[in-house]
Amino acid sequence: MTPEHLQKQLGLSLPSPLQRFTPDWPGAEKVTLWIKRDDLIHPIISGNKWRKLSQLLADHAATTPHIVSFGGGFSNHLHALGWCCKQLGIEFTALVRGNYADSPTPMLTDLSRWQANIRYLTKLAYKQRDEPDFIAALCEQYPGALIIPEGGSQQAALAGVQTLLEECQITIDKIITPVASGATMAGLINGAGINARASARQQVLGIAVLNGVGYLENLVAQFLPTNSSHDWQILHQFHHGGYARTSPALLTLCEEMRQEYGIPVEPVYSGKVFYALKSLLAQSAFAAGEQIVIVHTGGLQGARTDPDGHS
């Protein structure tokens, strides 16, 4: 099955819009801003979650009876994957960090409605999710199942992410994306290196959504070829205290995006990217005349309740 056939079967709207963004922010008048509205791909499965799953599902949906994956109680990845499995008739098991049995989140309620198997793991057990012995035990417990890493971050994800750049019919100087598990940024870096519309100064700029200097760089680098020379950088000053942590200034910015510009963002991923963008513009961090694409990675379902503390 091709990704295009799968998109049609799932009712996805692709390519996603590339929307001009003209905020009344100091410094914005010096550059040209665009938003890649991947949040509009589909009401349930959208953003980078679809991009990272697209090639994997295209390769395995017709032959895989069961999929197993990992995430927290508000996980956009589990939510998107659970919905896809329901639509494609694939059994799905979600291995969830922490026990929400007495207070299921909206995401977990959706998974239950989609007949997913939900298994709660202790934090200690969840830390073993990438260990070979732990994966081997899962393979024995769920014979024939496809086991997908947390966040959908694996090599196959990169091809789906690269299609985002192929849809942008403009010359791009900067691509700005949130960074959490690394595969989205790595896919953009790989795609930027082969994009015919890349400018000579093109750079992929990641906004860290968690406190992870060095850690996030390693997550991205593991997916890149050893001879990769494309320009990329992760900025670590905009995470507002850590993963799913917020600040009054960040929440105000998210509300500004919704009310002033009609663009819904949540404070875990895209909200931090637009907060960073506003700050960088005020600091004249971009060269005059640059064309900048901001990737809206969706994830709005994760903000249906206060996300503090989710993973």
C-alpha atoms as a PDB file:
ATOM      1  CA  MET A   1       0.000   0.000   0.000  1.00  0.00           C
ATOM      2  CA  THR A   2       1.340   3.448  -0.869  1.00  0.00           C
ATOM      3  CA  PRO A   3       1.189   6.371   1.571  1.00  0.00           C
ATOM      4  CA  GLU A   4      -1.119   8.118  -0.935  1.00  0.00           C
ATOM      5  CA  HIS A   5      -3.569   5.211  -0.930  1.00  0.00           C
ATOM      6  CA  LEU A   6      -3.488   5.133   2.868  1.00  0.00           C
ATOM      7  CA  GLN A   7      -4.154   8.869   3.039  1.00  0.00           C
ATOM      8  CA  LYS A   8      -7.245   8.436   0.889  1.00  0.00           C
ATOM      9  CA  GLN A   9      -8.462   5.485   2.929  1.00  0.00           C
ATOM     10  CA  LEU A  10      -8.125   7.465   6.172  1.00  0.00           C
ATOM     11  CA  GLY A  11      -9.676  10.636   4.742  1.00  0.00           C
ATOM     12  CA  LEU A  12      -6.669  12.883   5.252  1.00  0.00           C
ATOM     13  CA  SER A  13      -6.312  16.313   3.674  1.00  0.00           C
ATOM     14  CA  LEU A  14      -2.900  16.606   2.025  1.00  0.00           C
ATOM     15  CA  PRO A  15      -0.880  18.557   1.173  1.00  0.00           C
ATOM     16  CA  SER A  16      -1.479  20.711   4.219  1.00  0.00           C
ATOM     17  CA  PRO A  17      -1.739  24.491   3.662  1.00  0.00           C
ATOM     18  CA  LEU A  18       1.325  26.719   3.654  1.00  0.00           C
ATOM     19  CA  GLN A  19      -0.148  29.854   5.209  1.00  0.00           C
ATOM     20  CA  ARG A  20       1.347  33.332   5.158  1.00  0.00           C
ATOM     21  CA  PHE A  21       1.758  34.706   8.696  1.00  0.00           C
ATOM     22  CA  THR A  22       1.976  38.461   9.265  1.00  0.00           C
ATOM     23  CA  PRO A  23       1.899  39.100  13.017  1.00  0.00           C
ATOM     24  CA  ASP A  24       2.178  42.580  14.473  1.00  0.00           C
ATOM     25  CA  TRP A  25       5.392  41.637  16.253  1.00  0.00           C
ATOM     26  CA  PRO A  26       8.602  43.710  16.357  1.00  0.00           C
ATOM     27  CA  GLY A  27      10.962  42.419  13.671  1.00  0.00           C
ATOM     28  CA  ALA A  28       8.343  40.465  11.733  1.00  0.00           C
ATOM     29  CA  GLU A  29       8.271  43.092   9.001  1.00  0.00           C
ATOM     30  CA  LYS A  30      11.904  42.305   8.109  1.00  0.00           C
ATOM     31  CA  VAL A  31      11.267  38.679   7.084  1.00  0.00           C
ATOM     32  CA  THR A  32       8.621  36.588   5.332  1.00  0.00           C
ATOM     33  CA  LEU A  33       6.868  34.112   7.619  1.00  0.00           C
ATOM     34  CA  TRP A  34       4.926  31.008   6.604  1.00  0.00           C
ATOM     35  CA  ILE A  35       3.180  28.379   8.730  1.00  0.00           C
ATOM     36  CA  LYS A  36       3.015  24.802   7.495  1.00  0.00           C
ATOM     37  CA  ARG A  37      -0.434  23.982   8.862  1.00  0.00           C
ATOM     38  CA  ASP A  38      -0.039  20.277   9.499  1.00  0.00           C
ATOM     39  CA  ASP A  39      -2.609  20.701  12.262  1.00  0.00           C
ATOM     40  CA  LEU A  40      -5.204  20.801   9.446  1.00  0.00           C
ATOM     41  CA  ILE A  41      -4.398  17.366   7.976  1.00  0.00           C
ATOM     42  CA  HIS A  42      -7.222  15.739   9.954  1.00  0.00           C
ATOM     43  CA  PRO A  43      -9.259  16.517  13.100  1.00  0.00           C
ATOM     44  CA  ILE A  44      -7.862  13.474  14.937  1.00  0.00           C
ATOM     45  CA  ILE A  45      -4.594  12.407  13.311  1.00  0.00           C
ATOM     46  CA  SER A  46      -2.606  15.448  12.303  1.00  0.00           C
ATOM     47  CA  GLY A  47       0.744  17.132  12.373  1.00  0.00           C
ATOM     48  CA  ASN A  48       3.996  15.303  12.752  1.00  0.00           C
ATOM     49  CA  LYS A  49       2.235  12.243  14.185  1.00  0.00           C
ATOM     50  CA  TRP A  50       0.822  11.404  10.765  1.00  0.00           C
ATOM     51  CA  ARG A  51       4.071  12.315   9.035  1.00  0.00           C
ATOM     52  CA  LYS A  52       6.039   9.926  11.258  1.00  0.00           C
ATOM     53  CA  LEU A  53       3.540   7.072  10.946  1.00  0.00           C
ATOM     54  CA  SER A  54       2.698   7.370   7.247  1.00  0.00           C
ATOM     55  CA  GLN A  55       5.480   5.256   5.721  1.00  0.00           C
ATOM     56  CA  LEU A  56       5.410   2.710   8.539  1.00  0.00           C
ATOM     57  CA  LEU A  57       1.668   2.131   8.191  1.00  0.00           C
ATOM     58  CA  ALA A  58       1.910   2.052   4.403  1.00  0.00           C
ATOM     59  CA  ASP A  59       4.530  -0.707   4.669  1.00  0.00           C
ATOM     60  CA  HIS A  60       2.810  -2.792   7.344  1.00  0.00           C
ATOM     61  CA  ALA A  61      -0.946  -2.051   7.527  1.00  0.00           C
ATOM     62  CA  ALA A  62      -1.912  -4.848   5.138  1.00  0.00           C
ATOM     63  CA  THR A  63       0.161  -7.539   6.867  1.00  0.00           C
ATOM     64  CA  THR A  64       0.348  -6.583  10.552  1.00  0.00           C
ATOM     65  CA  PRO A  65      -2.464  -7.876  12.803  1.00  0.00           C
ATOM     66  CA  HIS A  66      -1.303  -6.080  15.955  1.00  0.00           C
ATOM     67  CA  ILE A  67       0.632  -2.911  16.807  1.00  0.00           C
ATOM     68  CA  VAL A  68       2.170  -2.093  20.197  1.00  0.00           C
ATOM     69  CA  SER A  69       3.551   1.311  21.192  1.00  0.00           C
ATOM     70  CA  PHE A  70       4.444   3.556  24.123  1.00  0.00           C
ATOM     71  CA  GLY A  71       3.431   6.946  25.494  1.00  0.00           C
ATOM     72  CA  GLY A  72       2.161   8.990  28.400  1.00  0.00           C
ATOM     73  CA  GLY A  73      -1.388   9.619  29.466  1.00  0.00           C
ATOM     74  CA  PHE A  74      -1.811  12.580  27.102  1.00  0.00           C
ATOM     75  CA  SER A  75       0.263  11.149  24.231  1.00  0.00           C
ATOM     76  CA  ASN A  76      -0.513  12.587  20.797  1.00  0.00           C
ATOM     77  CA  HIS A  77       1.329   9.627  19.286  1.00  0.00           C
ATOM     78  CA  LEU A  78      -0.801   6.976  21.010  1.00  0.00           C
ATOM     79  CA  HIS A  79      -3.932   8.945  20.178  1.00  0.00           C
ATOM     80  CA  ALA A  80      -3.116   9.159  16.467  1.00  0.00           C
ATOM     81  CA  LEU A  81      -1.911   5.564  16.236  1.00  0.00           C
ATOM     82  CA  GLY A  82      -4.926   4.235  18.124  1.00  0.00           C
ATOM     83  CA  TRP A  83      -7.315   5.971  15.738  1.00  0.00           C
ATOM     84  CA  CYS A  84      -5.435   4.684  12.680  1.00  0.00           C
ATOM     85  CA  CYS A  85      -5.484   1.132  13.992  1.00  0.00           C
ATOM     86  CA  LYS A  86      -9.226   1.377  14.617  1.00  0.00           C
ATOM     87  CA  GLN A  87      -9.826   2.573  11.043  1.00  0.00           C
ATOM     88  CA  LEU A  88      -7.540  -0.070   9.535  1.00  0.00           C
ATOM     89  CA  GLY A  89      -8.816  -2.995  11.601  1.00  0.00           C
ATOM     90  CA  ILE A  90      -5.516  -3.552  13.422  1.00  0.00           C
ATOM     91  CA  GLU A  91      -5.411  -4.566  17.075  1.00  0.00           C
ATOM     92  CA  PHE A  92      -3.641  -1.929  19.142  1.00  0.00           C
ATOM     93  CA  THR A  93      -1.970  -2.128  22.535  1.00  0.00           C
ATOM     94  CA  ALA A  94      -0.920   1.094  24.270  1.00  0.00           C
ATOM     95  CA  LEU A  95       1.785   0.788  26.927  1.00  0.00           C
ATOM     96  CA  VAL A  96       1.200   3.842  29.085  1.00  0.00           C
ATOM     97  CA  ARG A  97       3.594   5.430  31.556  1.00  0.00           C
ATOM     98  CA  GLY A  98       1.848   5.684  34.926  1.00  0.00           C
ATOM     99  CA  ASN A  99      -1.502   4.376  36.109  1.00  0.00           C
ATOM    100  CA  TYR A 100      -4.570   6.378  35.061  1.00  0.00           C
ATOM    101  CA  ALA A 101      -7.080   3.628  35.771  1.00  0.00           C
ATOM    102  CA  ASP A 102      -8.958   5.731  38.340  1.00  0.00           C
ATOM    103  CA  SER A 103      -8.762   8.989  36.377  1.00  0.00           C
ATOM    104  CA  PRO A 104      -8.406   8.345  32.631  1.00  0.00           C
ATOM    105  CA  THR A 105      -7.363  11.296  30.510  1.00  0.00           C
ATOM    106  CA  PRO A 106      -9.381  12.353  27.455  1.00  0.00           C
ATOM    107  CA  MET A 107      -6.804  10.608  25.284  1.00  0.00           C
ATOM    108  CA  LEU A 108      -7.186   7.328  27.173  1.00  0.00           C
ATOM    109  CA  THR A 109     -10.970   7.637  27.040  1.00  0.00           C
ATOM    110  CA  ASP A 110     -10.691   7.911  23.260  1.00  0.00           C
ATOM    111  CA  LEU A 111      -8.439   4.857  23.088  1.00  0.00           C
ATOM    112  CA  SER A 112     -10.941   2.860  25.121  1.00  0.00           C
ATOM    113  CA  ARG A 113     -13.715   3.920  22.762  1.00  0.00           C
ATOM    114  CA  TRP A 114     -11.579   2.719  19.858  1.00  0.00           C
ATOM    115  CA  GLN A 115     -11.195  -0.716  21.516  1.00  0.00           C
ATOM    116  CA  ALA A 116      -7.469  -0.350  22.219  1.00  0.00           C
ATOM    117  CA  ASN A 117      -5.803  -2.518  24.822  1.00  0.00           C
ATOM    118  CA  ILE A 118      -4.422  -0.204  27.515  1.00  0.00           C
ATOM    119  CA  ARG A 119      -1.664  -1.496  29.755  1.00  0.00           C
ATOM    120  CA  TYR A 120      -0.235   0.728  32.479  1.00  0.00           C
ATOM    121  CA  LEU A 121       3.481   0.538  33.255  1.00  0.00           C
ATOM    122  CA  THR A 122       5.284   1.782  36.326  1.00  0.00           C
ATOM    123  CA  LYS A 123       7.797   4.551  35.705  1.00  0.00           C
ATOM    124  CA  LEU A 124      10.598   2.060  36.375  1.00  0.00           C
ATOM    125  CA  ALA A 125       9.268  -0.412  33.834  1.00  0.00           C
ATOM    126  CA  TYR A 126       8.628   2.346  31.311  1.00  0.00           C
ATOM    127  CA  LYS A 127      12.271   3.425  31.463  1.00  0.00           C
ATOM    128  CA  GLN A 128      13.167   0.029  29.965  1.00  0.00           C
ATOM    129  CA  ARG A 129      11.114   0.668  26.808  1.00  0.00           C
ATOM    130  CA  ASP A 130      14.190   0.788  24.550  1.00  0.00           C
ATOM    131  CA  GLU A 131      16.124  -2.035  26.226  1.00  0.00           C
ATOM    132  CA  PRO A 132      16.666  -5.133  24.008  1.00  0.00           C
ATOM    133  CA  ASP A 133      15.574  -7.565  26.746  1.00  0.00           C
ATOM    134  CA  PHE A 134      12.377  -5.598  27.358  1.00  0.00           C
ATOM    135  CA  ILE A 135      11.566  -5.488  23.632  1.00  0.00           C
ATOM    136  CA  ALA A 136      12.323  -9.213  23.336  1.00  0.00           C
ATOM    137  CA  ALA A 137       9.879  -9.939  26.150  1.00  0.00           C
ATOM    138  CA  LEU A 138       7.204  -7.877  24.371  1.00  0.00           C
ATOM    139  CA  CYS A 139       7.806  -9.778  21.133  1.00  0.00           C
ATOM    140  CA  GLU A 140       7.267 -13.020  23.036  1.00  0.00           C
ATOM    141  CA  GLN A 141       4.150 -11.688  24.748  1.00  0.00           C
ATOM    142  CA  TYR A 142       2.693 -10.255  21.523  1.00  0.00           C
ATOM    143  CA  PRO A 143       3.858 -12.626  18.751  1.00  0.00           C
ATOM    144  CA  GLY A 144       3.677 -11.119  15.285  1.00  0.00           C
ATOM    145  CA  ALA A 145       3.070  -7.599  16.594  1.00  0.00           C
ATOM    146  CA  LEU A 146       4.781  -4.526  15.186  1.00  0.00           C
ATOM    147  CA  ILE A 147       6.403  -2.633  18.058  1.00  0.00           C
ATOM    148  CA  ILE A 148       6.746   1.115  17.450  1.00  0.00           C
ATOM    149  CA  PRO A 149       8.991   3.275  19.681  1.00  0.00           C
ATOM    150  CA  GLU A 150       7.668   6.127  21.799  1.00  0.00           C
ATOM    151  CA  GLY A 151       6.555   9.074  19.693  1.00  0.00           C
ATOM    152  CA  GLY A 152       6.843   7.022  16.503  1.00  0.00           C
ATOM    153  CA  SER A 153      10.510   7.951  16.378  1.00  0.00           C
ATOM    154  CA  GLN A 154      12.287   5.421  14.180  1.00  0.00           C
ATOM    155  CA  GLN A 155      14.139   5.506  10.874  1.00  0.00           C
ATOM    156  CA  ALA A 156      11.000   4.912   8.797  1.00  0.00           C
ATOM    157  CA  ALA A 157       9.515   8.124  10.183  1.00  0.00           C
ATOM    158  CA  LEU A 158      12.000  10.310   8.342  1.00  0.00           C
ATOM    159  CA  ALA A 159      10.601   9.635   4.875  1.00  0.00           C
ATOM    160  CA  GLY A 160       7.143  10.793   5.915  1.00  0.00           C
ATOM    161  CA  VAL A 161       8.501  13.960   7.499  1.00  0.00           C
ATOM    162  CA  GLN A 162      10.464  14.801   4.351  1.00  0.00           C
ATOM    163  CA  THR A 163       7.235  14.991   2.338  1.00  0.00           C
ATOM    164  CA  LEU A 164       6.403  18.133   4.329  1.00  0.00           C
ATOM    165  CA  LEU A 165       9.221  19.968   2.601  1.00  0.00           C
ATOM    166  CA  GLU A 166       8.283  18.595  -0.814  1.00  0.00           C
ATOM    167  CA  GLU A 167       4.895  20.281  -0.384  1.00  0.00           C
ATOM    168  CA  CYS A 168       6.458  23.713   0.201  1.00  0.00           C
ATOM    169  CA  GLN A 169       6.681  25.405  -3.177  1.00  0.00           C
ATOM    170  CA  ILE A 170       8.924  28.235  -1.984  1.00  0.00           C
ATOM    171  CA  THR A 171      12.592  28.831  -1.293  1.00  0.00           C
ATOM    172  CA  ILE A 172      13.190  28.288   2.427  1.00  0.00           C
ATOM    173  CA  ASP A 173      15.928  29.916   4.493  1.00  0.00           C
ATOM    174  CA  LYS A 174      14.847  28.744   7.948  1.00  0.00           C
ATOM    175  CA  ILE A 175      12.640  25.837   9.047  1.00  0.00           C
ATOM    176  CA  ILE A 176      11.519  26.027  12.684  1.00  0.00           C
ATOM    177  CA  THR A 177      10.108  23.006  14.502  1.00  0.00           C
ATOM    178  CA  PRO A 178       9.580  21.814  18.081  1.00  0.00           C
ATOM    179  CA  VAL A 179      11.948  19.060  19.255  1.00  0.00           C
ATOM    180  CA  ALA A 180      11.054  16.296  21.685  1.00  0.00           C
ATOM    181  CA  SER A 181      11.919  12.800  20.417  1.00  0.00           C
ATOM    182  CA  GLY A 182      14.126  13.891  17.523  1.00  0.00           C
ATOM    183  CA  ALA A 183      12.704  12.170  14.435  1.00  0.00           C
ATOM    184  CA  THR A 184      10.720  15.141  13.111  1.00  0.00           C
ATOM    185  CA  MET A 185      13.739  17.409  13.171  1.00  0.00           C
ATOM    186  CA  ALA A 186      15.963  14.692  11.689  1.00  0.00           C
ATOM    187  CA  GLY A 187      13.492  14.177   8.850  1.00  0.00           C
ATOM    188  CA  LEU A 188      13.490  17.903   8.125  1.00  0.00           C
ATOM    189  CA  ILE A 189      17.300  17.998   8.171  1.00  0.00           C
ATOM    190  CA  ASN A 190      17.525  15.087   5.741  1.00  0.00           C
ATOM    191  CA  GLY A 191      14.802  16.563   3.564  1.00  0.00           C
ATOM    192  CA  ALA A 192      16.366  20.004   3.560  1.00  0.00           C
ATOM    193  CA  GLY A 193      19.610  18.526   2.326  1.00  0.00           C
ATOM    194  CA  ILE A 194      17.944  17.163  -0.815  1.00  0.00           C
ATOM    195  CA  ASN A 195      15.307  19.861  -1.334  1.00  0.00           C
ATOM    196  CA  ALA A 196      15.867  21.553  -4.689  1.00  0.00           C
ATOM    197  CA  ARG A 197      14.409  24.794  -3.280  1.00  0.00           C
ATOM    198  CA  ALA A 198      16.854  25.020  -0.419  1.00  0.00           C
ATOM    199  CA  SER A 199      18.682  28.324  -0.197  1.00  0.00           C
ATOM    200  CA  ALA A 200      22.424  28.395   0.290  1.00  0.00           C
ATOM    201  CA  ARG A 201      21.945  29.517   3.898  1.00  0.00           C
ATOM    202  CA  GLN A 202      19.118  27.145   4.786  1.00  0.00           C
ATOM    203  CA  GLN A 203      19.020  26.012   8.410  1.00  0.00           C
ATOM    204  CA  VAL A 204      16.709  23.768  10.420  1.00  0.00           C
ATOM    205  CA  LEU A 205      16.115  25.395  13.794  1.00  0.00           C
ATOM    206  CA  GLY A 206      14.724  23.258  16.603  1.00  0.00           C
ATOM    207  CA  ILE A 207      12.969  24.657  19.662  1.00  0.00           C
ATOM    208  CA  ALA A 208      13.494  22.346  22.634  1.00  0.00           C
ATOM    209  CA  VAL A 209      10.217  21.688  24.446  1.00  0.00           C
ATOM    210  CA  LEU A 210      11.978  19.984  27.346  1.00  0.00           C
ATOM    211  CA  ASN A 211      15.109  20.592  29.385  1.00  0.00           C
ATOM    212  CA  GLY A 212      17.608  18.422  27.516  1.00  0.00           C
ATOM    213  CA  VAL A 213      20.834  20.100  26.407  1.00  0.00           C
ATOM    214  CA  GLY A 214      22.946  17.493  24.616  1.00  0.00           C
ATOM    215  CA  TYR A 215      20.280  14.819  25.074  1.00  0.00           C
ATOM    216  CA  LEU A 216      18.090  16.241  22.314  1.00  0.00           C
ATOM    217  CA  GLU A 217      21.055  16.759  19.993  1.00  0.00           C
ATOM    218  CA  ASN A 218      21.911  13.066  20.413  1.00  0.00           C
ATOM    219  CA  LEU A 219      18.329  12.030  19.708  1.00  0.00           C
ATOM    220  CA  VAL A 220      18.395  13.924  16.420  1.00  0.00           C
ATOM    221  CA  ALA A 221      21.912  12.858  15.425  1.00  0.00           C
ATOM    222  CA  GLN A 222      21.106   9.147  15.789  1.00  0.00           C
ATOM    223  CA  PHE A 223      18.830   9.408  12.741  1.00  0.00           C
ATOM    224  CA  LEU A 224      21.260  11.362  10.546  1.00  0.00           C
ATOM    225  CA  PRO A 225      23.871   9.911   8.208  1.00  0.00           C
ATOM    226  CA  THR A 226      27.371  10.209   9.602  1.00  0.00           C
ATOM    227  CA  ASN A 227      28.399  12.451   6.716  1.00  0.00           C
ATOM    228  CA  SER A 228      25.476  14.844   7.118  1.00  0.00           C
ATOM    229  CA  SER A 229      26.679  18.432   6.773  1.00  0.00           C
ATOM    230  CA  HIS A 230      23.363  20.272   6.702  1.00  0.00           C
ATOM    231  CA  ASP A 231      23.073  23.220   9.074  1.00  0.00           C
ATOM    232  CA  TRP A 232      20.905  22.637  12.135  1.00  0.00           C
ATOM    233  CA  GLN A 233      20.694  23.911  15.684  1.00  0.00           C
ATOM    234  CA  ILE A 234      18.518  23.392  18.766  1.00  0.00           C
ATOM    235  CA  LEU A 235      17.672  26.364  20.996  1.00  0.00           C
ATOM    236  CA  HIS A 236      17.154  25.451  24.648  1.00  0.00           C
ATOM    237  CA  GLN A 237      15.994  28.685  26.256  1.00  0.00           C
ATOM    238  CA  PHE A 238      12.281  28.417  25.465  1.00  0.00           C
ATOM    239  CA  HIS A 239      11.106  25.240  27.264  1.00  0.00           C
ATOM    240  CA  HIS A 240       9.545  27.219  30.179  1.00  0.00           C
ATOM    241  CA  GLY A 241      10.804  24.839  32.834  1.00  0.00           C
ATOM    242  CA  GLY A 242      10.575  21.478  31.088  1.00  0.00           C
ATOM    243  CA  TYR A 243       8.288  19.150  29.206  1.00  0.00           C
ATOM    244  CA  ALA A 244       4.617  20.180  29.485  1.00  0.00           C
ATOM    245  CA  ARG A 245       5.612  23.025  31.809  1.00  0.00           C
ATOM    246  CA  THR A 246       4.157  26.440  31.142  1.00  0.00           C
ATOM    247  CA  SER A 247       4.454  30.056  32.238  1.00  0.00           C
ATOM    248  CA  PRO A 248       1.975  32.938  32.271  1.00  0.00           C
ATOM    249  CA  ALA A 249       3.827  34.486  29.317  1.00  0.00           C
ATOM    250  CA  LEU A 250       3.553  31.265  27.297  1.00  0.00           C
ATOM    251  CA  LEU A 251      -0.155  30.880  28.012  1.00  0.00           C
ATOM    252  CA  THR A 252      -0.716  34.503  27.043  1.00  0.00           C
ATOM    253  CA  LEU A 253       1.070  33.901  23.739  1.00  0.00           C
ATOM    254  CA  CYS A 254      -1.083  30.811  23.035  1.00  0.00           C
ATOM    255  CA  GLU A 255      -4.203  32.907  23.644  1.00  0.00           C
ATOM    256  CA  GLU A 256      -2.844  35.654  21.394  1.00  0.00           C
ATOM    257  CA  MET A 257      -2.300  33.155  18.587  1.00  0.00           C
ATOM    258  CA  ARG A 258      -5.896  31.966  18.911  1.00  0.00           C
ATOM    259  CA  GLN A 259      -7.639  35.307  19.324  1.00  0.00           C
ATOM    260  CA  GLU A 260      -5.532  37.648  17.185  1.00  0.00           C
ATOM    261  CA  TYR A 261      -4.488  35.315  14.380  1.00  0.00           C
ATOM    262  CA  GLY A 262      -7.026  32.488  14.431  1.00  0.00           C
ATOM    263  CA  ILE A 263      -4.355  29.813  14.822  1.00  0.00           C
ATOM    264  CA  PRO A 264      -4.922  27.355  17.671  1.00  0.00           C
ATOM    265  CA  VAL A 265      -1.754  26.221  19.439  1.00  0.00           C
ATOM    266  CA  GLU A 266      -1.138  24.292  22.637  1.00  0.00           C
ATOM    267  CA  PRO A 267       1.564  25.121  25.222  1.00  0.00           C
ATOM    268  CA  VAL A 268       3.449  21.806  25.008  1.00  0.00           C
ATOM    269  CA  TYR A 269       4.824  21.979  21.460  1.00  0.00           C
ATOM    270  CA  SER A 270       3.688  24.596  18.941  1.00  0.00           C
ATOM    271  CA  GLY A 271       3.010  27.258  21.570  1.00  0.00           C
ATOM    272  CA  LYS A 272       6.673  27.169  22.606  1.00  0.00           C
ATOM    273  CA  VAL A 273       7.724  27.451  18.963  1.00  0.00           C
ATOM    274  CA  PHE A 274       5.677  30.612  18.388  1.00  0.00           C
ATOM    275  CA  TYR A 275       6.849  32.047  21.714  1.00  0.00           C
ATOM    276  CA  ALA A 276      10.428  31.458  20.558  1.00  0.00           C
ATOM    277  CA  LEU A 277       9.683  32.974  17.159  1.00  0.00           C
ATOM    278  CA  LYS A 278       8.308  36.152  18.709  1.00  0.00           C
ATOM    279  CA  SER A 279      11.360  36.471  20.958  1.00  0.00           C
ATOM    280  CA  LEU A 280      13.842  35.791  18.152  1.00  0.00           C
ATOM    281  CA  LEU A 281      12.198  38.349  15.869  1.00  0.00           C
ATOM    282  CA  ALA A 282      12.474  40.982  18.594  1.00  0.00           C
ATOM    283  CA  GLN A 283      16.172  40.139  18.943  1.00  0.00           C
ATOM    284  CA  SER A 284      16.741  40.514  15.154  1.00  0.00           C
ATOM    285  CA  ALA A 285      17.967  36.906  15.109  1.00  0.00           C
ATOM    286  CA  PHE A 286      17.115  36.459  11.418  1.00  0.00           C
ATOM    287  CA  ALA A 287      18.680  38.114   8.399  1.00  0.00           C
ATOM    288  CA  ALA A 288      16.529  40.661   6.600  1.00  0.00           C
ATOM    289  CA  GLY A 289      14.536  39.145   3.756  1.00  0.00           C
ATOM    290  CA  GLU A 290      14.716  35.556   4.964  1.00  0.00           C
ATOM    291  CA  GLN A 291      11.814  33.208   4.223  1.00  0.00           C
ATOM    292  CA  ILE A 292      10.952  31.290   7.373  1.00  0.00           C
ATOM    293  CA  VAL A 293       8.651  28.266   7.601  1.00  0.00           C
ATOM    294  CA  ILE A 294       7.227  27.388  11.023  1.00  0.00           C
ATOM    295  CA  VAL A 295       6.011  23.799  11.303  1.00  0.00           C
ATOM    296  CA  HIS A 296       2.711  23.538  13.185  1.00  0.00           C
ATOM    297  CA  THR A 297       2.921  19.975  14.449  1.00  0.00           C
ATOM    298  CA  GLY A 298      -0.687  19.694  15.617  1.00  0.00           C
ATOM    299  CA  GLY A 299      -1.061  17.988  18.979  1.00  0.00           C
ATOM    300  CA  LEU A 300      -4.079  20.029  19.994  1.00  0.00           C
ATOM    301  CA  GLN A 301      -5.842  17.049  21.560  1.00  0.00           C
ATOM    302  CA  GLY A 302      -3.183  16.956  24.280  1.00  0.00           C
ATOM    303  CA  ALA A 303      -4.389  20.336  25.580  1.00  0.00           C
ATOM    304  CA  ARG A 304      -7.940  19.177  26.309  1.00  0.00           C
ATOM    305  CA  THR A 305      -7.065  19.273  30.004  1.00  0.00           C
ATOM    306  CA  ASP A 306      -4.211  20.843  31.942  1.00  0.00           C
ATOM    307  CA  PRO A 307      -1.179  19.002  30.505  1.00  0.00           C
ATOM    308  CA  ASP A 308       1.189  19.687  33.388  1.00  0.00           C
ATOM    309  CA  GLY A 309       3.072  16.551  34.253  1.00  0.00           C
ATOM    310  CA  HIS A 310       2.073  14.464  31.266  1.00  0.00           C
ATOM    311  CA  SER A 311       4.612  12.632  29.156  1.00  0.00           C
END
